[in-house]
Every structure is written in structure tokens, then in C-alpha cells.
PDB file of N, CA and C in Angstrom:
ATOM      1  N   MET A   1     156.137 242.638 167.949  1.00  0.00           N
ATOM      2  CA  MET A   1     155.205 243.257 168.917  1.00  0.00           C
ATOM      3  C   MET A   1     154.129 242.490 169.318  1.00  0.00           C
ATOM      4  N   VAL A   2     153.778 242.608 170.706  1.00  0.00           N
ATOM      5  CA  VAL A   2     153.088 241.989 170.958  1.00  0.00           C
ATOM      6  C   VAL A   2     151.809 242.207 171.388  1.00  0.00           C
ATOM      7  N   MET A   3     150.769 241.667 170.448  1.00  0.00           N
ATOM      8  CA  MET A   3     149.239 241.390 170.573  1.00  0.00           C
ATOM      9  C   MET A   3     148.752 240.940 171.575  1.00  0.00           C
ATOM     10  N   GLY A   4     147.150 241.821 171.930  1.00  0.00           N
ATOM     11  CA  GLY A   4     146.141 241.214 173.085  1.00  0.00           C
ATOM     12  C   GLY A   4     146.013 240.234 173.042  1.00  0.00           C
ATOM     13  N   ARG A   5     145.784 238.905 173.960  1.00  0.00           N
ATOM     14  CA  ARG A   5     144.706 238.036 173.682  1.00  0.00           C
ATOM     15  C   ARG A   5     144.561 238.433 174.226  1.00  0.00           C
ATOM     16  N   LYS A   6     142.997 237.288 173.951  1.00  0.00           N
ATOM     17  CA  LYS A   6     141.636 237.373 174.913  1.00  0.00           C
ATOM     18  C   LYS A   6     141.051 236.271 174.817  1.00  0.00           C
ATOM     19  N   GLN A   7     140.723 235.251 176.619  1.00  0.00           N
ATOM     20  CA  GLN A   7     140.255 234.149 176.589  1.00  0.00           C
ATOM     21  C   GLN A   7     139.458 233.419 176.351  1.00  0.00           C
ATOM     22  N   VAL A   8     139.081 232.333 175.211  1.00  0.00           N
ATOM     23  CA  VAL A   8     137.566 232.401 174.969  1.00  0.00           C
ATOM     24  C   VAL A   8     137.875 230.741 175.499  1.00  0.00           C
ATOM     25  N   LEU A   9     135.699 230.106 175.777  1.00  0.00           N
ATOM     26  CA  LEU A   9     135.671 229.400 176.862  1.00  0.00           C
ATOM     27  C   LEU A   9     135.718 228.135 175.608  1.00  0.00           C
ATOM     28  N   VAL A  10     135.965 227.680 175.186  1.00  0.00           N
ATOM     29  CA  VAL A  10     135.821 226.736 173.778  1.00  0.00           C
ATOM     30  C   VAL A  10     134.974 225.433 174.053  1.00  0.00           C
ATOM     31  N   GLN A  11     134.640 224.716 173.788  1.00  0.00           N
ATOM     32  CA  GLN A  11     134.053 223.483 174.535  1.00  0.00           C
ATOM     33  C   GLN A  11     134.760 222.106 173.220  1.00  0.00           C
ATOM     34  N   LEU A  12     135.799 221.928 174.003  1.00  0.00           N
ATOM     35  CA  LEU A  12     135.521 220.159 172.815  1.00  0.00           C
ATOM     36  C   LEU A  12     135.646 218.890 174.088  1.00  0.00           C
ATOM     37  N   ASP A  13     135.145 218.288 173.105  1.00  0.00           N
ATOM     38  CA  ASP A  13     134.908 215.941 173.601  1.00  0.00           C
ATOM     39  C   ASP A  13     135.965 215.922 173.499  1.00  0.00           C
ATOM     40  N   ASP A  14     136.194 215.332 174.447  1.00  0.00           N
ATOM     41  CA  ASP A  14     137.101 214.618 175.590  1.00  0.00           C
ATOM     42  C   ASP A  14     138.053 214.133 174.498  1.00  0.00           C
ATOM     43  N   ASP A  15     137.639 213.254 173.761  1.00  0.00           N
ATOM     44  CA  ASP A  15     138.500 212.558 171.984  1.00  0.00           C
ATOM     45  C   ASP A  15     139.923 213.367 172.357  1.00  0.00           C
ATOM     46  N   LEU A  16     139.271 214.788 171.547  1.00  0.00           N
ATOM     47  CA  LEU A  16     139.730 215.482 170.534  1.00  0.00           C
ATOM     48  C   LEU A  16     140.811 216.348 171.788  1.00  0.00           C
ATOM     49  N   VAL A  17     140.914 216.790 173.318  1.00  0.00           N
ATOM     50  CA  VAL A  17     141.278 217.397 174.249  1.00  0.00           C
ATOM     51  C   VAL A  17     141.998 216.464 173.976  1.00  0.00           C
ATOM     52  N   GLU A  18     142.650 214.793 174.967  1.00  0.00           N
ATOM     53  CA  GLU A  18     143.747 213.804 174.867  1.00  0.00           C
ATOM     54  C   GLU A  18     144.089 214.092 173.037  1.00  0.00           C
ATOM     55  N   ARG A  19     143.945 213.949 171.541  1.00  0.00           N
ATOM     56  CA  ARG A  19     144.223 213.481 170.753  1.00  0.00           C
ATOM     57  C   ARG A  19     145.392 215.263 170.567  1.00  0.00           C
ATOM     58  N   LEU A  20     144.879 216.230 170.921  1.00  0.00           N
ATOM     59  CA  LEU A  20     145.157 217.477 171.325  1.00  0.00           C
ATOM     60  C   LEU A  20     146.713 218.080 172.467  1.00  0.00           C
ATOM     61  N   ASP A  21     146.346 217.199 173.242  1.00  0.00           N
ATOM     62  CA  ASP A  21     147.395 217.080 174.053  1.00  0.00           C
ATOM     63  C   ASP A  21     148.271 216.561 173.549  1.00  0.00           C
ATOM     64  N   ARG A  22     148.228 215.089 173.338  1.00  0.00           N
ATOM     65  CA  ARG A  22     149.612 214.148 172.057  1.00  0.00           C
ATOM     66  C   ARG A  22     150.204 215.224 171.309  1.00  0.00           C
ATOM     67  N   LEU A  23     149.666 215.889 170.823  1.00  0.00           N
ATOM     68  CA  LEU A  23     149.706 216.345 169.152  1.00  0.00           C
ATOM     69  C   LEU A  23     151.217 217.596 169.965  1.00  0.00           C
ATOM     70  N   ALA A  24     150.408 217.926 170.833  1.00  0.00           N
ATOM     71  CA  ALA A  24     151.060 219.099 171.867  1.00  0.00           C
ATOM     72  C   ALA A  24     152.385 218.446 171.957  1.00  0.00           C
ATOM     73  N   GLU A  25     151.598 218.350 173.411  1.00  0.00           N
ATOM     74  CA  GLU A  25     153.288 217.898 173.821  1.00  0.00           C
ATOM     75  C   GLU A  25     154.739 216.653 173.003  1.00  0.00           C
ATOM     76  N   HIS A  26     154.319 216.055 171.373  1.00  0.00           N
ATOM     77  CA  HIS A  26     154.787 215.758 170.584  1.00  0.00           C
ATOM     78  C   HIS A  26     155.677 216.947 169.949  1.00  0.00           C
ATOM     79  N   GLU A  27     154.721 218.240 170.482  1.00  0.00           N
ATOM     80  CA  GLU A  27     155.218 219.130 169.353  1.00  0.00           C
ATOM     81  C   GLU A  27     156.687 220.185 170.124  1.00  0.00           C
ATOM     82  N   GLY A  28     156.188 219.400 171.902  1.00  0.00           N
ATOM     83  CA  GLY A  28     157.364 220.405 172.128  1.00  0.00           C
ATOM     84  C   GLY A  28     156.022 221.999 172.315  1.00  0.00           C
ATOM     85  N   THR A  29     154.962 221.861 172.892  1.00  0.00           N
ATOM     86  CA  THR A  29     154.149 223.117 172.547  1.00  0.00           C
ATOM     87  C   THR A  29     152.532 222.664 173.748  1.00  0.00           C
ATOM     88  N   ASN A  30     151.739 223.543 174.136  1.00  0.00           N
ATOM     89  CA  ASN A  30     150.949 223.151 174.521  1.00  0.00           C
ATOM     90  C   ASN A  30     148.941 223.349 173.263  1.00  0.00           C
ATOM     91  N   ARG A  31     148.349 223.737 174.023  1.00  0.00           N
ATOM     92  CA  ARG A  31     147.066 223.240 173.333  1.00  0.00           C
ATOM     93  C   ARG A  31     147.184 225.076 172.693  1.00  0.00           C
ATOM     94  N   SER A  32     147.003 225.371 173.906  1.00  0.00           N
ATOM     95  CA  SER A  32     146.392 226.749 173.292  1.00  0.00           C
ATOM     96  C   SER A  32     147.064 227.481 172.339  1.00  0.00           C
ATOM     97  N   VAL A  33     149.113 227.278 171.857  1.00  0.00           N
ATOM     98  CA  VAL A  33     149.179 227.427 170.686  1.00  0.00           C
ATOM     99  C   VAL A  33     148.893 226.307 169.424  1.00  0.00           C
ATOM    100  N   LEU A  34     148.313 225.291 169.324  1.00  0.00           N
ATOM    101  CA  LEU A  34     147.952 224.832 168.860  1.00  0.00           C
ATOM    102  C   LEU A  34     146.107 225.109 168.043  1.00  0.00           C
ATOM    103  N   LEU A  35     145.274 225.648 168.364  1.00  0.00           N
ATOM    104  CA  LEU A  35     144.520 225.687 169.184  1.00  0.00           C
ATOM    105  C   LEU A  35     144.415 227.354 167.791  1.00  0.00           C
ATOM    106  N   ARG A  36     145.652 228.101 168.622  1.00  0.00           N
ATOM    107  CA  ARG A  36     145.280 228.896 167.506  1.00  0.00           C
ATOM    108  C   ARG A  36     146.102 228.943 166.166  1.00  0.00           C
ATOM    109  N   ARG A  37     146.963 228.297 166.122  1.00  0.00           N
ATOM    110  CA  ARG A  37     146.950 227.735 165.015  1.00  0.00           C
ATOM    111  C   ARG A  37     146.490 227.619 164.068  1.00  0.00           C
ATOM    112  N   GLY A  38     145.305 226.644 164.157  1.00  0.00           N
ATOM    113  CA  GLY A  38     144.179 225.649 163.808  1.00  0.00           C
ATOM    114  C   GLY A  38     143.025 226.916 163.751  1.00  0.00           C
ATOM    115  N   ALA A  39     142.501 227.751 164.612  1.00  0.00           N
ATOM    116  CA  ALA A  39     142.142 229.185 164.024  1.00  0.00           C
ATOM    117  C   ALA A  39     143.042 229.350 163.305  1.00  0.00           C
ATOM    118  N   ALA A  40     144.066 229.813 163.299  1.00  0.00           N
ATOM    119  CA  ALA A  40     144.439 231.066 161.645  1.00  0.00           C
ATOM    120  C   ALA A  40     144.416 229.902 160.418  1.00  0.00           C
ATOM    121  N   ALA A  41     144.362 228.740 160.894  1.00  0.00           N
ATOM    122  CA  ALA A  41     144.199 227.764 158.996  1.00  0.00           C
ATOM    123  C   ALA A  41     142.673 228.070 158.444  1.00  0.00           C
ATOM    124  N   VAL A  42     142.094 227.663 159.907  1.00  0.00           N
ATOM    125  CA  VAL A  42     140.621 228.271 159.271  1.00  0.00           C
ATOM    126  C   VAL A  42     139.864 229.261 158.595  1.00  0.00           C
ATOM    127  N   LEU A  43     140.918 230.206 159.383  1.00  0.00           N
ATOM    128  CA  LEU A  43     140.561 231.942 158.482  1.00  0.00           C
ATOM    129  C   LEU A  43     141.268 232.035 156.947  1.00  0.00           C
ATOM    130  N   HIS A  44     142.830 231.104 157.011  1.00  0.00           N
ATOM    131  CA  HIS A  44     143.814 231.314 155.559  1.00  0.00           C
ATOM    132  C   HIS A  44     142.554 231.015 155.053  1.00  0.00           C
ATOM    133  N   MET A  45     142.523 229.170 154.440  1.00  0.00           N
ATOM    134  CA  MET A  45     141.739 229.172 153.767  1.00  0.00           C
ATOM    135  C   MET A  45     140.366 229.516 153.241  1.00  0.00           C
ATOM    136  N   ALA A  46     139.454 230.364 154.305  1.00  0.00           N
ATOM    137  CA  ALA A  46     138.356 230.511 154.350  1.00  0.00           C
ATOM    138  C   ALA A  46     138.322 232.544 153.207  1.00  0.00           C
ATOM    139  N   GLU A  47     139.766 232.753 153.578  1.00  0.00           N
ATOM    140  CA  GLU A  47     139.954 233.912 153.413  1.00  0.00           C
ATOM    141  C   GLU A  47     140.694 233.590 151.675  1.00  0.00           C
ATOM    142  N   ALA A  48     141.350 232.537 150.905  1.00  0.00           N
ATOM    143  CA  ALA A  48     141.704 231.961 150.021  1.00  0.00           C
ATOM    144  C   ALA A  48     140.580 231.494 149.139  1.00  0.00           C
ATOM    145  N   ALA A  49     139.794 230.512 150.136  1.00  0.00           N
ATOM    146  CA  ALA A  49     138.260 231.131 149.409  1.00  0.00           C
ATOM    147  C   ALA A  49     137.689 231.481 148.535  1.00  0.00           C
ATOM    148  N   GLU A  50     137.656 232.836 149.394  1.00  0.00           N
ATOM    149  CA  GLU A  50     136.214 233.810 148.699  1.00  0.00           C
ATOM    150  C   GLU A  50     137.571 234.750 147.804  1.00  0.00           C
ATOM    151  N   ALA A  51     139.273 234.862 147.967  1.00  0.00           N
ATOM    152  CA  ALA A  51     139.376 235.523 146.996  1.00  0.00           C
ATOM    153  C   ALA A  51     139.659 234.286 145.633  1.00  0.00           C
ATOM    154  N   HIS A  52     139.630 233.242 145.680  1.00  0.00           N
ATOM    155  CA  HIS A  52     139.307 232.302 144.744  1.00  0.00           C
ATOM    156  C   HIS A  52     137.912 232.695 143.879  1.00  0.00           C
ATOM    157  N   ARG A  53     136.521 232.629 145.078  1.00  0.00           N
ATOM    158  CA  ARG A  53     136.158 232.586 144.487  1.00  0.00           C
ATOM    159  C   ARG A  53     135.472 234.135 143.565  1.00  0.00           C
ATOM    160  N   LYS A  54     136.450 235.864 143.891  1.00  0.00           N
ATOM    161  CA  LYS A  54     135.569 236.076 143.484  1.00  0.00           C
ATOM    162  C   LYS A  54     137.428 235.933 141.548  1.00  0.00           C
ATOM    163  N   MET A  55     137.884 235.607 141.302  1.00  0.00           N
ATOM    164  CA  MET A  55     138.002 235.314 140.926  1.00  0.00           C
ATOM    165  C   MET A  55     138.064 235.208 139.728  1.00  0.00           C
ATOM    166  N   VAL A  56     136.755 233.653 140.153  1.00  0.00           N
ATOM    167  CA  VAL A  56     136.653 232.958 139.241  1.00  0.00           C
ATOM    168  C   VAL A  56     135.005 233.814 138.782  1.00  0.00           C
ATOM    169  N   ASP A  57     134.521 234.287 139.381  1.00  0.00           N
ATOM    170  CA  ASP A  57     133.413 234.953 139.430  1.00  0.00           C
ATOM    171  C   ASP A  57     133.626 236.358 138.268  1.00  0.00           C
ATOM    172  N   GLY A  58     134.789 236.887 138.515  1.00  0.00           N
ATOM    173  CA  GLY A  58     135.928 238.072 137.182  1.00  0.00           C
ATOM    174  C   GLY A  58     135.915 237.568 135.820  1.00  0.00           C
ATOM    175  N   TYR A  59     136.208 235.801 136.290  1.00  0.00           N
ATOM    176  CA  TYR A  59     136.480 235.545 134.943  1.00  0.00           C
ATOM    177  C   TYR A  59     135.399 235.353 134.072  1.00  0.00           C
ATOM    178  N   ARG A  60     134.301 234.770 134.584  1.00  0.00           N
ATOM    179  CA  ARG A  60     133.032 235.133 134.503  1.00  0.00           C
ATOM    180  C   ARG A  60     132.510 235.912 134.218  1.00  0.00           C
ATOM    181  N   ARG A  61     132.769 236.615 134.615  1.00  0.00           N
ATOM    182  CA  ARG A  61     131.618 238.096 134.057  1.00  0.00           C
ATOM    183  C   ARG A  61     132.755 238.913 132.518  1.00  0.00           C
ATOM    184  N   PHE A  62     134.147 238.267 132.894  1.00  0.00           N
ATOM    185  CA  PHE A  62     135.272 239.421 131.301  1.00  0.00           C
ATOM    186  C   PHE A  62     136.003 238.468 131.041  1.00  0.00           C
ATOM    187  N   PRO A  63     135.447 237.000 130.459  1.00  0.00           N
ATOM    188  CA  PRO A  63     135.769 235.604 130.352  1.00  0.00           C
ATOM    189  C   PRO A  63     136.930 236.592 129.423  1.00  0.00           C
ATOM    190  N   GLN A  64     137.669 235.202 129.290  1.00  0.00           N
ATOM    191  CA  GLN A  64     139.894 235.881 128.991  1.00  0.00           C
ATOM    192  C   GLN A  64     139.411 235.572 126.946  1.00  0.00           C
ATOM    193  N   ASP A  65     140.016 236.435 126.083  1.00  0.00           N
ATOM    194  CA  ASP A  65     140.263 236.652 125.214  1.00  0.00           C
ATOM    195  C   ASP A  65     140.543 235.101 124.441  1.00  0.00           C
ATOM    196  N   PRO A  66     140.552 234.013 123.669  1.00  0.00           N
ATOM    197  CA  PRO A  66     141.063 232.917 123.480  1.00  0.00           C
ATOM    198  C   PRO A  66     142.205 233.593 122.429  1.00  0.00           C
ATOM    199  N   ASP A  67     141.596 234.064 121.621  1.00  0.00           N
ATOM    200  CA  ASP A  67     143.173 234.363 121.318  1.00  0.00           C
ATOM    201  C   ASP A  67     144.680 235.252 122.048  1.00  0.00           C
ATOM    202  N   LEU A  68     143.902 235.869 122.703  1.00  0.00           N
ATOM    203  CA  LEU A  68     144.829 236.051 123.982  1.00  0.00           C
ATOM    204  C   LEU A  68     145.701 234.941 124.439  1.00  0.00           C
ATOM    205  N   VAL A  69     145.196 233.952 124.637  1.00  0.00           N
ATOM    206  CA  VAL A  69     145.551 232.758 125.486  1.00  0.00           C
ATOM    207  C   VAL A  69     146.397 231.409 124.983  1.00  0.00           C
ATOM    208  N   GLU A  70     145.879 232.210 123.103  1.00  0.00           N
ATOM    209  CA  GLU A  70     146.459 231.410 122.261  1.00  0.00           C
ATOM    210  C   GLU A  70     147.878 231.736 122.746  1.00  0.00           C
ATOM    211  N   ALA A  71     148.038 233.209 122.051  1.00  0.00           N
ATOM    212  CA  ALA A  71     149.210 234.014 121.672  1.00  0.00           C
ATOM    213  C   ALA A  71     150.207 233.898 123.173  1.00  0.00           C
ATOM    214  N   ALA A  72     150.175 233.856 124.370  1.00  0.00           N
ATOM    215  CA  ALA A  72     150.254 233.945 125.783  1.00  0.00           C
ATOM    216  C   ALA A  72     151.464 232.519 125.467  1.00  0.00           C
ATOM    217  N   GLY A  73     150.343 231.688 125.923  1.00  0.00           N
ATOM    218  CA  GLY A  73     150.989 229.852 126.029  1.00  0.00           C
ATOM    219  C   GLY A  73     151.589 230.376 124.270  1.00  0.00           C
ATOM    220  N   LEU A  74     151.751 230.493 123.236  1.00  0.00           N
ATOM    221  CA  LEU A  74     152.842 230.303 121.951  1.00  0.00           C
ATOM    222  C   LEU A  74     154.338 231.233 122.583  1.00  0.00           C
ATOM    223  N   LEU A  75     153.643 232.666 123.420  1.00  0.00           N
ATOM    224  CA  LEU A  75     154.905 233.384 123.524  1.00  0.00           C
ATOM    225  C   LEU A  75     155.778 232.893 124.713  1.00  0.00           C
ATOM    226  N   ALA A  76     155.143 232.368 125.998  1.00  0.00           N
ATOM    227  CA  ALA A  76     156.095 231.449 126.427  1.00  0.00           C
ATOM    228  C   ALA A  76     156.836 229.791 125.943  1.00  0.00           C
ATOM    229  N   SER A  77     155.880 229.536 125.170  1.00  0.00           N
ATOM    230  CA  SER A  77     156.657 228.332 124.684  1.00  0.00           C
ATOM    231  C   SER A  77     158.107 228.357 124.326  1.00  0.00           C
ATOM    232  N   GLU A  78     157.842 229.875 123.800  1.00  0.00           N
ATOM    233  CA  GLU A  78     159.089 230.842 122.614  1.00  0.00           C
ATOM    234  C   GLU A  78     160.733 231.501 123.827  1.00  0.00           C
ATOM    235  N   THR A  79     159.172 231.600 124.993  1.00  0.00           N
ATOM    236  CA  THR A  79     161.019 232.625 125.205  1.00  0.00           C
ATOM    237  C   THR A  79     160.982 231.340 126.390  1.00  0.00           C
ATOM    238  N   LEU A  80     160.819 230.796 127.014  1.00  0.00           N
ATOM    239  CA  LEU A  80     161.494 230.019 128.566  1.00  0.00           C
ATOM    240  C   LEU A  80     162.250 229.002 128.271  1.00  0.00           C
ATOM    241  N   PRO A  81     163.354 229.045 129.038  1.00  0.00           N
ATOM    242  CA  PRO A  81     164.396 228.239 128.384  1.00  0.00           C
ATOM    243  C   PRO A  81     164.475 226.953 128.638  1.00  0.00           C
ATOM    244  N   GLU A  82     164.921 225.770 128.104  1.00  0.00           N
ATOM    245  CA  GLU A  82     164.577 224.286 128.803  1.00  0.00           C
ATOM    246  C   GLU A  82     165.136 223.277 129.250  1.00  0.00           C
ATOM    247  N   TRP A  83     164.840 223.137 130.588  1.00  0.00           N
ATOM    248  CA  TRP A  83     164.799 222.063 130.960  1.00  0.00           C
ATOM    249  C   TRP A  83     165.173 221.088 131.280  1.00  0.00           C
TER     250      TRP A  83
END
């Protein structure tokens, strides 16, 4: 499935453009591909950070029962195979 694309204007300093072009040539691709990958990585990290924040918030609101954590640890130590 082909997704539509929108052309956007991004201002970059000369050094950054040169470094992107060198990397693009080294990887056999182009600057646009690198920038799309970079944008996707930034969004992925932001989404992961938000998910982590929500998880931490959930544990703050509903802390784990220490007895349950200890029991799970004991069970895991008894059931995991030795490597």
C-alpha cells in the first residue's frame, strides 16, 4: 500500500546537510529517506516515552503488592530452566 506524501520545507545548516549527504551516499539512499527515518525515530521515541510515563504513573497510583512480587520471584526461580 502506497502512502501519500507531503513535501515540507525544513531548514538545515550546511554542516548537517553535508553529513546527511555523506551518510546517504554511504548507505546508498538519499537525504529524504534519512530524514523520514529520523522523523519516524523521533516519533517512536516520544511514543515510547509517553507509554513509559503512563506505566510509571499507573504504578504510582496502584503500587505493586510486595508480597505478590516476592511470590512471583520465588515461583520464577523454581520454574525457570537452568542455563
